[in-house]
PDB file of N, CA and C in Angstrom:
ATOM      1  N   MET A   1     -22.137  -4.415  73.627  1.00  0.00           N
ATOM      2  CA  MET A   1     -22.024  -3.456  72.568  1.00  0.00           C
ATOM      3  C   MET A   1     -21.972  -4.208  71.237  1.00  0.00           C
ATOM      4  N   LYS A   2     -22.862  -3.890  70.351  1.00  0.00           N
ATOM      5  CA  LYS A   2     -22.929  -4.565  69.067  1.00  0.00           C
ATOM      6  C   LYS A   2     -21.920  -3.958  68.091  1.00  0.00           C
ATOM      7  N   LYS A   3     -21.151  -4.818  67.439  1.00  0.00           N
ATOM      8  CA  LYS A   3     -20.192  -4.364  66.442  1.00  0.00           C
ATOM      9  C   LYS A   3     -20.873  -4.283  65.087  1.00  0.00           C
ATOM     10  N   ILE A   4     -20.588  -3.221  64.370  1.00  0.00           N
ATOM     11  CA  ILE A   4     -21.076  -3.073  63.008  1.00  0.00           C
ATOM     12  C   ILE A   4     -19.916  -3.400  62.082  1.00  0.00           C
ATOM     13  N   PRO A   5     -20.073  -4.353  61.182  1.00  0.00           N
ATOM     14  CA  PRO A   5     -18.979  -4.709  60.283  1.00  0.00           C
ATOM     15  C   PRO A   5     -18.525  -3.498  59.472  1.00  0.00           C
ATOM     16  N   ASP A   6     -17.254  -3.382  59.254  1.00  0.00           N
ATOM     17  CA  ASP A   6     -16.699  -2.283  58.482  1.00  0.00           C
ATOM     18  C   ASP A   6     -15.902  -2.863  57.325  1.00  0.00           C
ATOM     19  N   PRO A   7     -16.563  -3.116  56.176  1.00  0.00           N
ATOM     20  CA  PRO A   7     -15.875  -3.753  55.063  1.00  0.00           C
ATOM     21  C   PRO A   7     -14.809  -2.874  54.428  1.00  0.00           C
ATOM     22  N   ILE A   8     -14.862  -1.568  54.683  1.00  0.00           N
ATOM     23  CA  ILE A   8     -13.901  -0.664  54.045  1.00  0.00           C
ATOM     24  C   ILE A   8     -12.608  -0.595  54.839  1.00  0.00           C
ATOM     25  N   ALA A   9     -12.689  -0.669  56.166  1.00  0.00           N
ATOM     26  CA  ALA A   9     -11.483  -0.594  56.990  1.00  0.00           C
ATOM     27  C   ALA A   9     -10.620  -1.812  56.716  1.00  0.00           C
ATOM     28  N   MET A  10      -9.332  -1.577  56.577  1.00  0.00           N
ATOM     29  CA  MET A  10      -8.433  -2.680  56.281  1.00  0.00           C
ATOM     30  C   MET A  10      -7.026  -2.310  56.698  1.00  0.00           C
ATOM     31  N   SER A  11      -6.206  -3.290  56.897  1.00  0.00           N
ATOM     32  CA  SER A  11      -4.791  -3.028  57.141  1.00  0.00           C
ATOM     33  C   SER A  11      -4.168  -2.649  55.813  1.00  0.00           C
ATOM     34  N   TYR A  12      -3.168  -1.797  55.854  1.00  0.00           N
ATOM     35  CA  TYR A  12      -2.554  -1.311  54.634  1.00  0.00           C
ATOM     36  C   TYR A  12      -1.047  -1.475  54.733  1.00  0.00           C
ATOM     37  N   ILE A  13      -0.458  -2.048  53.729  1.00  0.00           N
ATOM     38  CA  ILE A  13       0.993  -2.211  53.672  1.00  0.00           C
ATOM     39  C   ILE A  13       1.526  -1.300  52.577  1.00  0.00           C
ATOM     40  N   CYS A  14       2.494  -0.502  52.896  1.00  0.00           N
ATOM     41  CA  CYS A  14       3.104   0.382  51.910  1.00  0.00           C
ATOM     42  C   CYS A  14       4.063  -0.437  51.054  1.00  0.00           C
ATOM     43  N   ASP A  15       3.824  -0.453  49.753  1.00  0.00           N
ATOM     44  CA  ASP A  15       4.697  -1.198  48.837  1.00  0.00           C
ATOM     45  C   ASP A  15       6.017  -0.476  48.584  1.00  0.00           C
ATOM     46  N   GLU A  16       6.063   0.801  48.887  1.00  0.00           N
ATOM     47  CA  GLU A  16       7.254   1.614  48.670  1.00  0.00           C
ATOM     48  C   GLU A  16       7.675   2.238  49.999  1.00  0.00           C
ATOM     49  N   PRO A  17       8.391   1.511  50.858  1.00  0.00           N
ATOM     50  CA  PRO A  17       8.730   2.047  52.175  1.00  0.00           C
ATOM     51  C   PRO A  17       9.404   3.411  52.148  1.00  0.00           C
ATOM     52  N   GLU A  18      10.263   3.675  51.191  1.00  0.00           N
ATOM     53  CA  GLU A  18      10.926   4.975  51.125  1.00  0.00           C
ATOM     54  C   GLU A  18       9.928   6.083  50.816  1.00  0.00           C
ATOM     55  N   ALA A  19       8.965   5.806  49.954  1.00  0.00           N
ATOM     56  CA  ALA A  19       7.965   6.807  49.584  1.00  0.00           C
ATOM     57  C   ALA A  19       7.015   7.093  50.736  1.00  0.00           C
ATOM     58  N   CYS A  20       6.815   6.144  51.624  1.00  0.00           N
ATOM     59  CA  CYS A  20       5.870   6.301  52.728  1.00  0.00           C
ATOM     60  C   CYS A  20       6.540   6.747  54.022  1.00  0.00           C
ATOM     61  N   SER A  21       7.847   6.875  54.040  1.00  0.00           N
ATOM     62  CA  SER A  21       8.550   7.106  55.293  1.00  0.00           C
ATOM     63  C   SER A  21       8.300   8.492  55.888  1.00  0.00           C
ATOM     64  N   HIS A  22       7.759   9.435  55.105  1.00  0.00           N
ATOM     65  CA  HIS A  22       7.470  10.765  55.650  1.00  0.00           C
ATOM     66  C   HIS A  22       6.267  10.741  56.584  1.00  0.00           C
ATOM     67  N   GLN A  23       5.473   9.696  56.520  1.00  0.00           N
ATOM     68  CA  GLN A  23       4.301   9.577  57.385  1.00  0.00           C
ATOM     69  C   GLN A  23       4.633   8.727  58.602  1.00  0.00           C
ATOM     70  N   PHE A  24       3.837   8.850  59.623  1.00  0.00           N
ATOM     71  CA  PHE A  24       3.917   8.013  60.816  1.00  0.00           C
ATOM     72  C   PHE A  24       5.279   8.079  61.497  1.00  0.00           C
ATOM     73  N   GLY A  25       5.758   9.302  61.718  1.00  0.00           N
ATOM     74  CA  GLY A  25       6.983   9.488  62.486  1.00  0.00           C
ATOM     75  C   GLY A  25       8.222   8.966  61.805  1.00  0.00           C
ATOM     76  N   GLY A  26       8.281   9.008  60.490  1.00  0.00           N
ATOM     77  CA  GLY A  26       9.455   8.562  59.761  1.00  0.00           C
ATOM     78  C   GLY A  26       9.508   7.074  59.517  1.00  0.00           C
ATOM     79  N   LYS A  27       8.493   6.328  59.943  1.00  0.00           N
ATOM     80  CA  LYS A  27       8.454   4.892  59.713  1.00  0.00           C
ATOM     81  C   LYS A  27       7.415   4.597  58.648  1.00  0.00           C
ATOM     82  N   SER A  28       7.712   3.693  57.786  1.00  0.00           N
ATOM     83  CA  SER A  28       6.750   3.326  56.751  1.00  0.00           C
ATOM     84  C   SER A  28       5.673   2.428  57.334  1.00  0.00           C
ATOM     85  N   LEU A  29       4.583   2.307  56.616  1.00  0.00           N
ATOM     86  CA  LEU A  29       3.528   1.394  57.040  1.00  0.00           C
ATOM     87  C   LEU A  29       4.029  -0.039  57.019  1.00  0.00           C
ATOM     88  N   GLN A  30       4.928  -0.358  56.113  1.00  0.00           N
ATOM     89  CA  GLN A  30       5.503  -1.702  56.045  1.00  0.00           C
ATOM     90  C   GLN A  30       6.196  -2.043  57.356  1.00  0.00           C
ATOM     91  N   GLN A  31       6.849  -1.058  57.973  1.00  0.00           N
ATOM     92  CA  GLN A  31       7.554  -1.296  59.221  1.00  0.00           C
ATOM     93  C   GLN A  31       6.594  -1.425  60.402  1.00  0.00           C
ATOM     94  N   SER A  32       5.329  -1.091  60.206  1.00  0.00           N
ATOM     95  CA  SER A  32       4.372  -1.089  61.302  1.00  0.00           C
ATOM     96  C   SER A  32       3.437  -2.294  61.287  1.00  0.00           C
ATOM     97  N   LEU A  33       3.844  -3.359  60.650  1.00  0.00           N
ATOM     98  CA  LEU A  33       3.031  -4.563  60.665  1.00  0.00           C
ATOM     99  C   LEU A  33       3.028  -5.150  62.068  1.00  0.00           C
ATOM    100  N   PRO A  34       1.980  -5.859  62.459  1.00  0.00           N
ATOM    101  CA  PRO A  34       1.929  -6.381  63.817  1.00  0.00           C
ATOM    102  C   PRO A  34       3.002  -7.432  64.072  1.00  0.00           C
ATOM    103  N   ASN A  35       3.606  -7.370  65.259  1.00  0.00           N
ATOM    104  CA  ASN A  35       4.535  -8.407  65.687  1.00  0.00           C
ATOM    105  C   ASN A  35       3.740  -9.653  66.066  1.00  0.00           C
ATOM    106  N   ASN A  36       2.553  -9.442  66.546  1.00  0.00           N
ATOM    107  CA  ASN A  36       1.659 -10.506  66.963  1.00  0.00           C
ATOM    108  C   ASN A  36       0.514 -10.550  65.947  1.00  0.00           C
ATOM    109  N   PRO A  37       0.399 -11.580  65.137  1.00  0.00           N
ATOM    110  CA  PRO A  37      -0.615 -11.593  64.075  1.00  0.00           C
ATOM    111  C   PRO A  37      -2.052 -11.612  64.582  1.00  0.00           C
ATOM    112  N   THR A  38      -2.252 -11.719  65.904  1.00  0.00           N
ATOM    113  CA  THR A  38      -3.611 -11.733  66.424  1.00  0.00           C
ATOM    114  C   THR A  38      -4.105 -10.354  66.835  1.00  0.00           C
ATOM    115  N   VAL A  39      -3.275  -9.301  66.726  1.00  0.00           N
ATOM    116  CA  VAL A  39      -3.745  -7.962  67.081  1.00  0.00           C
ATOM    117  C   VAL A  39      -4.652  -7.434  65.978  1.00  0.00           C
ATOM    118  N   GLU A  40      -5.645  -6.667  66.384  1.00  0.00           N
ATOM    119  CA  GLU A  40      -6.620  -6.128  65.444  1.00  0.00           C
ATOM    120  C   GLU A  40      -7.179  -4.825  65.996  1.00  0.00           C
ATOM    121  N   ILE A  41      -7.606  -3.968  65.100  1.00  0.00           N
ATOM    122  CA  ILE A  41      -8.326  -2.748  65.464  1.00  0.00           C
ATOM    123  C   ILE A  41      -9.659  -2.840  64.753  1.00  0.00           C
ATOM    124  N   SER A  42     -10.738  -2.787  65.505  1.00  0.00           N
ATOM    125  CA  SER A  42     -12.061  -2.842  64.891  1.00  0.00           C
ATOM    126  C   SER A  42     -12.784  -1.517  65.106  1.00  0.00           C
ATOM    127  N   ILE A  43     -13.684  -1.212  64.195  1.00  0.00           N
ATOM    128  CA  ILE A  43     -14.466   0.018  64.255  1.00  0.00           C
ATOM    129  C   ILE A  43     -15.886  -0.347  64.673  1.00  0.00           C
ATOM    130  N   GLU A  44     -16.412   0.392  65.624  1.00  0.00           N
ATOM    131  CA  GLU A  44     -17.771   0.164  66.104  1.00  0.00           C
ATOM    132  C   GLU A  44     -18.581   1.444  65.957  1.00  0.00           C
ATOM    133  N   TYR A  45     -19.804   1.309  65.529  1.00  0.00           N
ATOM    134  CA  TYR A  45     -20.735   2.429  65.394  1.00  0.00           C
ATOM    135  C   TYR A  45     -20.177   3.564  64.537  1.00  0.00           C
ATOM    136  N   GLY A  46     -19.237   3.270  63.676  1.00  0.00           N
ATOM    137  CA  GLY A  46     -18.707   4.267  62.756  1.00  0.00           C
ATOM    138  C   GLY A  46     -17.775   5.289  63.357  1.00  0.00           C
ATOM    139  N   LYS A  47     -17.655   5.367  64.699  1.00  0.00           N
ATOM    140  CA  LYS A  47     -16.824   6.412  65.282  1.00  0.00           C
ATOM    141  C   LYS A  47     -16.078   5.986  66.550  1.00  0.00           C
ATOM    142  N   LEU A  48     -16.099   4.709  66.877  1.00  0.00           N
ATOM    143  CA  LEU A  48     -15.353   4.169  68.012  1.00  0.00           C
ATOM    144  C   LEU A  48     -14.392   3.119  67.484  1.00  0.00           C
ATOM    145  N   PHE A  49     -13.233   2.989  68.117  1.00  0.00           N
ATOM    146  CA  PHE A  49     -12.342   1.895  67.743  1.00  0.00           C
ATOM    147  C   PHE A  49     -12.016   1.079  68.985  1.00  0.00           C
ATOM    148  N   VAL A  50     -11.724  -0.192  68.755  1.00  0.00           N
ATOM    149  CA  VAL A  50     -11.373  -1.108  69.833  1.00  0.00           C
ATOM    150  C   VAL A  50     -10.129  -1.878  69.418  1.00  0.00           C
ATOM    151  N   CYS A  51      -9.103  -1.851  70.262  1.00  0.00           N
ATOM    152  CA  CYS A  51      -7.885  -2.629  70.032  1.00  0.00           C
ATOM    153  C   CYS A  51      -8.096  -4.011  70.644  1.00  0.00           C
ATOM    154  N   GLU A  52      -7.764  -5.045  69.900  1.00  0.00           N
ATOM    155  CA  GLU A  52      -7.943  -6.415  70.372  1.00  0.00           C
ATOM    156  C   GLU A  52      -6.644  -7.190  70.189  1.00  0.00           C
ATOM    157  N   GLY A  53      -6.274  -7.988  71.185  1.00  0.00           N
ATOM    158  CA  GLY A  53      -5.074  -8.809  71.119  1.00  0.00           C
ATOM    159  C   GLY A  53      -3.820  -8.098  71.576  1.00  0.00           C
ATOM    160  N   PHE A  54      -3.931  -6.847  72.002  1.00  0.00           N
ATOM    161  CA  PHE A  54      -2.792  -6.097  72.521  1.00  0.00           C
ATOM    162  C   PHE A  54      -2.625  -6.424  74.002  1.00  0.00           C
ATOM    163  N   GLU A  55      -1.504  -5.994  74.593  1.00  0.00           N
ATOM    164  CA  GLU A  55      -1.236  -6.247  76.005  1.00  0.00           C
ATOM    165  C   GLU A  55      -1.183  -4.935  76.768  1.00  0.00           C
ATOM    166  N   GLY A  56      -1.963  -4.840  77.851  1.00  0.00           N
ATOM    167  CA  GLY A  56      -1.919  -3.668  78.726  1.00  0.00           C
ATOM    168  C   GLY A  56      -2.327  -2.385  78.046  1.00  0.00           C
ATOM    169  N   VAL A  57      -1.589  -1.314  78.366  1.00  0.00           N
ATOM    170  CA  VAL A  57      -1.882   0.008  77.816  1.00  0.00           C
ATOM    171  C   VAL A  57      -1.486   0.048  76.341  1.00  0.00           C
ATOM    172  N   VAL A  58      -2.361   0.603  75.526  1.00  0.00           N
ATOM    173  CA  VAL A  58      -2.114   0.738  74.090  1.00  0.00           C
ATOM    174  C   VAL A  58      -2.051   2.225  73.754  1.00  0.00           C
ATOM    175  N   ARG A  59      -0.927   2.667  73.227  1.00  0.00           N
ATOM    176  CA  ARG A  59      -0.792   4.057  72.755  1.00  0.00           C
ATOM    177  C   ARG A  59      -1.262   4.095  71.309  1.00  0.00           C
ATOM    178  N   TYR A  60      -2.070   5.096  70.985  1.00  0.00           N
ATOM    179  CA  TYR A  60      -2.573   5.205  69.618  1.00  0.00           C
ATOM    180  C   TYR A  60      -2.361   6.606  69.074  1.00  0.00           C
ATOM    181  N   SER A  61      -2.278   6.688  67.765  1.00  0.00           N
ATOM    182  CA  SER A  61      -2.180   7.956  67.042  1.00  0.00           C
ATOM    183  C   SER A  61      -3.102   7.870  65.843  1.00  0.00           C
ATOM    184  N   LEU A  62      -3.811   8.951  65.559  1.00  0.00           N
ATOM    185  CA  LEU A  62      -4.720   9.020  64.418  1.00  0.00           C
ATOM    186  C   LEU A  62      -4.183  10.062  63.447  1.00  0.00           C
ATOM    187  N   TYR A  63      -4.058   9.684  62.181  1.00  0.00           N
ATOM    188  CA  TYR A  63      -3.506  10.556  61.142  1.00  0.00           C
ATOM    189  C   TYR A  63      -4.523  10.748  60.030  1.00  0.00           C
ATOM    190  N   ASP A  64      -4.464  11.922  59.377  1.00  0.00           N
ATOM    191  CA  ASP A  64      -5.280  12.099  58.178  1.00  0.00           C
ATOM    192  C   ASP A  64      -4.547  11.473  57.001  1.00  0.00           C
ATOM    193  N   MET A  65      -5.134  11.533  55.829  1.00  0.00           N
ATOM    194  CA  MET A  65      -4.553  10.885  54.654  1.00  0.00           C
ATOM    195  C   MET A  65      -3.221  11.511  54.223  1.00  0.00           C
ATOM    196  N   ALA A  66      -2.954  12.730  54.659  1.00  0.00           N
ATOM    197  CA  ALA A  66      -1.684  13.386  54.328  1.00  0.00           C
ATOM    198  C   ALA A  66      -0.600  13.082  55.355  1.00  0.00           C
ATOM    199  N   GLY A  67      -0.940  12.331  56.402  1.00  0.00           N
ATOM    200  CA  GLY A  67       0.032  11.973  57.426  1.00  0.00           C
ATOM    201  C   GLY A  67       0.086  12.933  58.592  1.00  0.00           C
ATOM    202  N   LYS A  68      -0.855  13.891  58.671  1.00  0.00           N
ATOM    203  CA  LYS A  68      -0.886  14.856  59.766  1.00  0.00           C
ATOM    204  C   LYS A  68      -1.503  14.208  61.004  1.00  0.00           C
ATOM    205  N   LEU A  69      -0.816  14.337  62.151  1.00  0.00           N
ATOM    206  CA  LEU A  69      -1.308  13.791  63.413  1.00  0.00           C
ATOM    207  C   LEU A  69      -2.512  14.603  63.876  1.00  0.00           C
ATOM    208  N   LEU A  70      -3.632  13.927  64.119  1.00  0.00           N
ATOM    209  CA  LEU A  70      -4.868  14.590  64.533  1.00  0.00           C
ATOM    210  C   LEU A  70      -5.250  14.302  65.979  1.00  0.00           C
ATOM    211  N   GLN A  71      -4.939  13.110  66.456  1.00  0.00           N
ATOM    212  CA  GLN A  71      -5.346  12.710  67.795  1.00  0.00           C
ATOM    213  C   GLN A  71      -4.388  11.631  68.282  1.00  0.00           C
ATOM    214  N   GLN A  72      -4.082  11.646  69.564  1.00  0.00           N
ATOM    215  CA  GLN A  72      -3.287  10.569  70.143  1.00  0.00           C
ATOM    216  C   GLN A  72      -3.675  10.405  71.597  1.00  0.00           C
ATOM    217  N   GLY A  73      -3.364   9.248  72.122  1.00  0.00           N
ATOM    218  CA  GLY A  73      -3.701   8.993  73.509  1.00  0.00           C
ATOM    219  C   GLY A  73      -3.419   7.554  73.876  1.00  0.00           C
ATOM    220  N   GLU A  74      -4.050   7.125  74.972  1.00  0.00           N
ATOM    221  CA  GLU A  74      -3.884   5.759  75.459  1.00  0.00           C
ATOM    222  C   GLU A  74      -5.246   5.117  75.627  1.00  0.00           C
ATOM    223  N   THR A  75      -5.293   3.830  75.425  1.00  0.00           N
ATOM    224  CA  THR A  75      -6.494   3.040  75.642  1.00  0.00           C
ATOM    225  C   THR A  75      -6.049   1.689  76.178  1.00  0.00           C
ATOM    226  N   ARG A  76      -6.971   0.818  76.411  1.00  0.00           N
ATOM    227  CA  ARG A  76      -6.659  -0.536  76.871  1.00  0.00           C
ATOM    228  C   ARG A  76      -7.293  -1.536  75.927  1.00  0.00           C
ATOM    229  N   ASN A  77      -6.742  -2.714  75.895  1.00  0.00           N
ATOM    230  CA  ASN A  77      -7.261  -3.784  75.062  1.00  0.00           C
ATOM    231  C   ASN A  77      -8.747  -4.002  75.359  1.00  0.00           C
ATOM    232  N   GLY A  78      -9.576  -3.988  74.323  1.00  0.00           N
ATOM    233  CA  GLY A  78     -11.008  -4.236  74.467  1.00  0.00           C
ATOM    234  C   GLY A  78     -11.835  -3.041  74.894  1.00  0.00           C
ATOM    235  N   GLU A  79     -11.214  -1.893  75.139  1.00  0.00           N
ATOM    236  CA  GLU A  79     -11.923  -0.699  75.600  1.00  0.00           C
ATOM    237  C   GLU A  79     -12.291   0.192  74.411  1.00  0.00           C
ATOM    238  N   PRO A  80     -13.586   0.475  74.187  1.00  0.00           N
ATOM    239  CA  PRO A  80     -13.970   1.364  73.083  1.00  0.00           C
ATOM    240  C   PRO A  80     -13.426   2.771  73.323  1.00  0.00           C
ATOM    241  N   THR A  81     -12.867   3.367  72.284  1.00  0.00           N
ATOM    242  CA  THR A  81     -12.290   4.705  72.359  1.00  0.00           C
ATOM    243  C   THR A  81     -12.855   5.535  71.221  1.00  0.00           C
ATOM    244  N   SER A  82     -13.266   6.759  71.537  1.00  0.00           N
ATOM    245  CA  SER A  82     -13.904   7.640  70.560  1.00  0.00           C
ATOM    246  C   SER A  82     -12.869   8.301  69.651  1.00  0.00           C
ATOM    247  N   LEU A  83     -13.206   8.382  68.367  1.00  0.00           N
ATOM    248  CA  LEU A  83     -12.406   9.141  67.411  1.00  0.00           C
ATOM    249  C   LEU A  83     -13.033  10.529  67.306  1.00  0.00           C
ATOM    250  N   LYS A  84     -12.293  11.545  67.677  1.00  0.00           N
ATOM    251  CA  LYS A  84     -12.822  12.906  67.737  1.00  0.00           C
ATOM    252  C   LYS A  84     -12.515  13.659  66.448  1.00  0.00           C
ATOM    253  N   VAL A  85     -13.025  13.129  65.351  1.00  0.00           N
ATOM    254  CA  VAL A  85     -12.809  13.720  64.039  1.00  0.00           C
ATOM    255  C   VAL A  85     -14.118  13.670  63.254  1.00  0.00           C
ATOM    256  N   SER A  86     -14.157  14.417  62.167  1.00  0.00           N
ATOM    257  CA  SER A  86     -15.343  14.412  61.322  1.00  0.00           C
ATOM    258  C   SER A  86     -15.325  13.204  60.387  1.00  0.00           C
ATOM    259  N   VAL A  87     -16.387  13.055  59.639  1.00  0.00           N
ATOM    260  CA  VAL A  87     -16.505  11.961  58.678  1.00  0.00           C
ATOM    261  C   VAL A  87     -15.318  12.016  57.713  1.00  0.00           C
ATOM    262  N   GLY A  88     -14.704  10.863  57.455  1.00  0.00           N
ATOM    263  CA  GLY A  88     -13.577  10.823  56.538  1.00  0.00           C
ATOM    264  C   GLY A  88     -12.782   9.541  56.655  1.00  0.00           C
ATOM    265  N   VAL A  89     -11.654   9.520  55.949  1.00  0.00           N
ATOM    266  CA  VAL A  89     -10.767   8.358  55.931  1.00  0.00           C
ATOM    267  C   VAL A  89      -9.477   8.732  56.658  1.00  0.00           C
ATOM    268  N   TYR A  90      -9.043   7.856  57.554  1.00  0.00           N
ATOM    269  CA  TYR A  90      -7.884   8.120  58.401  1.00  0.00           C
ATOM    270  C   TYR A  90      -7.043   6.850  58.548  1.00  0.00           C
ATOM    271  N   PHE A  91      -5.860   7.015  59.142  1.00  0.00           N
ATOM    272  CA  PHE A  91      -5.033   5.885  59.550  1.00  0.00           C
ATOM    273  C   PHE A  91      -4.885   5.953  61.057  1.00  0.00           C
ATOM    274  N   ILE A  92      -5.047   4.818  61.709  1.00  0.00           N
ATOM    275  CA  ILE A  92      -4.822   4.751  63.145  1.00  0.00           C
ATOM    276  C   ILE A  92      -3.669   3.783  63.392  1.00  0.00           C
ATOM    277  N   ARG A  93      -2.763   4.205  64.251  1.00  0.00           N
ATOM    278  CA  ARG A  93      -1.606   3.383  64.602  1.00  0.00           C
ATOM    279  C   ARG A  93      -1.703   3.074  66.092  1.00  0.00           C
ATOM    280  N   ALA A  94      -1.604   1.816  66.447  1.00  0.00           N
ATOM    281  CA  ALA A  94      -1.672   1.395  67.846  1.00  0.00           C
ATOM    282  C   ALA A  94      -0.455   0.547  68.181  1.00  0.00           C
ATOM    283  N   LYS A  95       0.090   0.772  69.386  1.00  0.00           N
ATOM    284  CA  LYS A  95       1.271   0.014  69.823  1.00  0.00           C
ATOM    285  C   LYS A  95       1.205  -0.172  71.332  1.00  0.00           C
ATOM    286  N   ASP A  96       1.541  -1.391  71.780  1.00  0.00           N
ATOM    287  CA  ASP A  96       1.578  -1.650  73.224  1.00  0.00           C
ATOM    288  C   ASP A  96       3.031  -1.777  73.686  1.00  0.00           C
ATOM    289  N   ALA A  97       3.223  -1.896  75.000  1.00  0.00           N
ATOM    290  CA  ALA A  97       4.570  -1.967  75.581  1.00  0.00           C
ATOM    291  C   ALA A  97       5.312  -3.228  75.175  1.00  0.00           C
ATOM    292  N   ALA A  98       4.591  -4.279  74.789  1.00  0.00           N
ATOM    293  CA  ALA A  98       5.225  -5.532  74.369  1.00  0.00           C
ATOM    294  C   ALA A  98       5.753  -5.453  72.940  1.00  0.00           C
ATOM    295  N   GLY A  99       5.485  -4.344  72.257  1.00  0.00           N
ATOM    296  CA  GLY A  99       5.965  -4.173  70.892  1.00  0.00           C
ATOM    297  C   GLY A  99       4.964  -4.556  69.824  1.00  0.00           C
ATOM    298  N   ASN A 100       3.778  -5.029  70.212  1.00  0.00           N
ATOM    299  CA  ASN A 100       2.743  -5.321  69.224  1.00  0.00           C
ATOM    300  C   ASN A 100       2.248  -4.003  68.656  1.00  0.00           C
ATOM    301  N   GLN A 101       2.192  -3.908  67.344  1.00  0.00           N
ATOM    302  CA  GLN A 101       1.708  -2.675  66.733  1.00  0.00           C
ATOM    303  C   GLN A 101       0.979  -2.980  65.439  1.00  0.00           C
ATOM    304  N   LEU A 102       0.112  -2.053  65.052  1.00  0.00           N
ATOM    305  CA  LEU A 102      -0.681  -2.206  63.853  1.00  0.00           C
ATOM    306  C   LEU A 102      -1.073  -0.840  63.341  1.00  0.00           C
ATOM    307  N   VAL A 103      -1.052  -0.664  62.039  1.00  0.00           N
ATOM    308  CA  VAL A 103      -1.573   0.526  61.392  1.00  0.00           C
ATOM    309  C   VAL A 103      -2.759   0.064  60.553  1.00  0.00           C
ATOM    310  N   LYS A 104      -3.871   0.781  60.682  1.00  0.00           N
ATOM    311  CA  LYS A 104      -5.074   0.387  59.967  1.00  0.00           C
ATOM    312  C   LYS A 104      -5.753   1.596  59.358  1.00  0.00           C
ATOM    313  N   LYS A 105      -6.214   1.448  58.160  1.00  0.00           N
ATOM    314  CA  LYS A 105      -7.010   2.476  57.496  1.00  0.00           C
ATOM    315  C   LYS A 105      -8.427   2.365  58.030  1.00  0.00           C
ATOM    316  N   VAL A 106      -9.004   3.474  58.483  1.00  0.00           N
ATOM    317  CA  VAL A 106     -10.357   3.447  59.017  1.00  0.00           C
ATOM    318  C   VAL A 106     -11.207   4.523  58.352  1.00  0.00           C
ATOM    319  N   VAL A 107     -12.489   4.236  58.274  1.00  0.00           N
ATOM    320  CA  VAL A 107     -13.449   5.191  57.716  1.00  0.00           C
ATOM    321  C   VAL A 107     -14.405   5.587  58.825  1.00  0.00           C
ATOM    322  N   VAL A 108     -14.429   6.884  59.153  1.00  0.00           N
ATOM    323  CA  VAL A 108     -15.347   7.406  60.160  1.00  0.00           C
ATOM    324  C   VAL A 108     -16.616   7.810  59.430  1.00  0.00           C
ATOM    325  N   THR A 109     -17.756   7.258  59.866  1.00  0.00           N
ATOM    326  CA  THR A 109     -19.009   7.482  59.132  1.00  0.00           C
ATOM    327  C   THR A 109     -20.017   8.345  59.862  1.00  0.00           C
ATOM    328  N   GLU A 110     -19.812   8.620  61.133  1.00  0.00           N
ATOM    329  CA  GLU A 110     -20.806   9.427  61.868  1.00  0.00           C
ATOM    330  C   GLU A 110     -20.126  10.462  62.712  1.00  0.00           C
TER     331      GLU A 110
END
């Protein structure tokens, strides 16, 4: 499967944890930095995401820009997973049982 580079997708750190705490289950984006600096979420074909560097089952949640939960489920490290949303900008949060977690801003293009 060929990866298409996504220059817009990036990790995002909230500079104001108190201001961001209403999103992502009461935790700020600052609190959701990866425990393992090698974890990554990549976007493929504009509408698939792949978790890399996580261990075992990865639970994920997809939020809109207002912090509303749109999709959640489980995937595995290296397994492409479809984002079932329309074109737009979202945040995806992924966490494994070992405590590795990451929040990433993603742009769905197709």
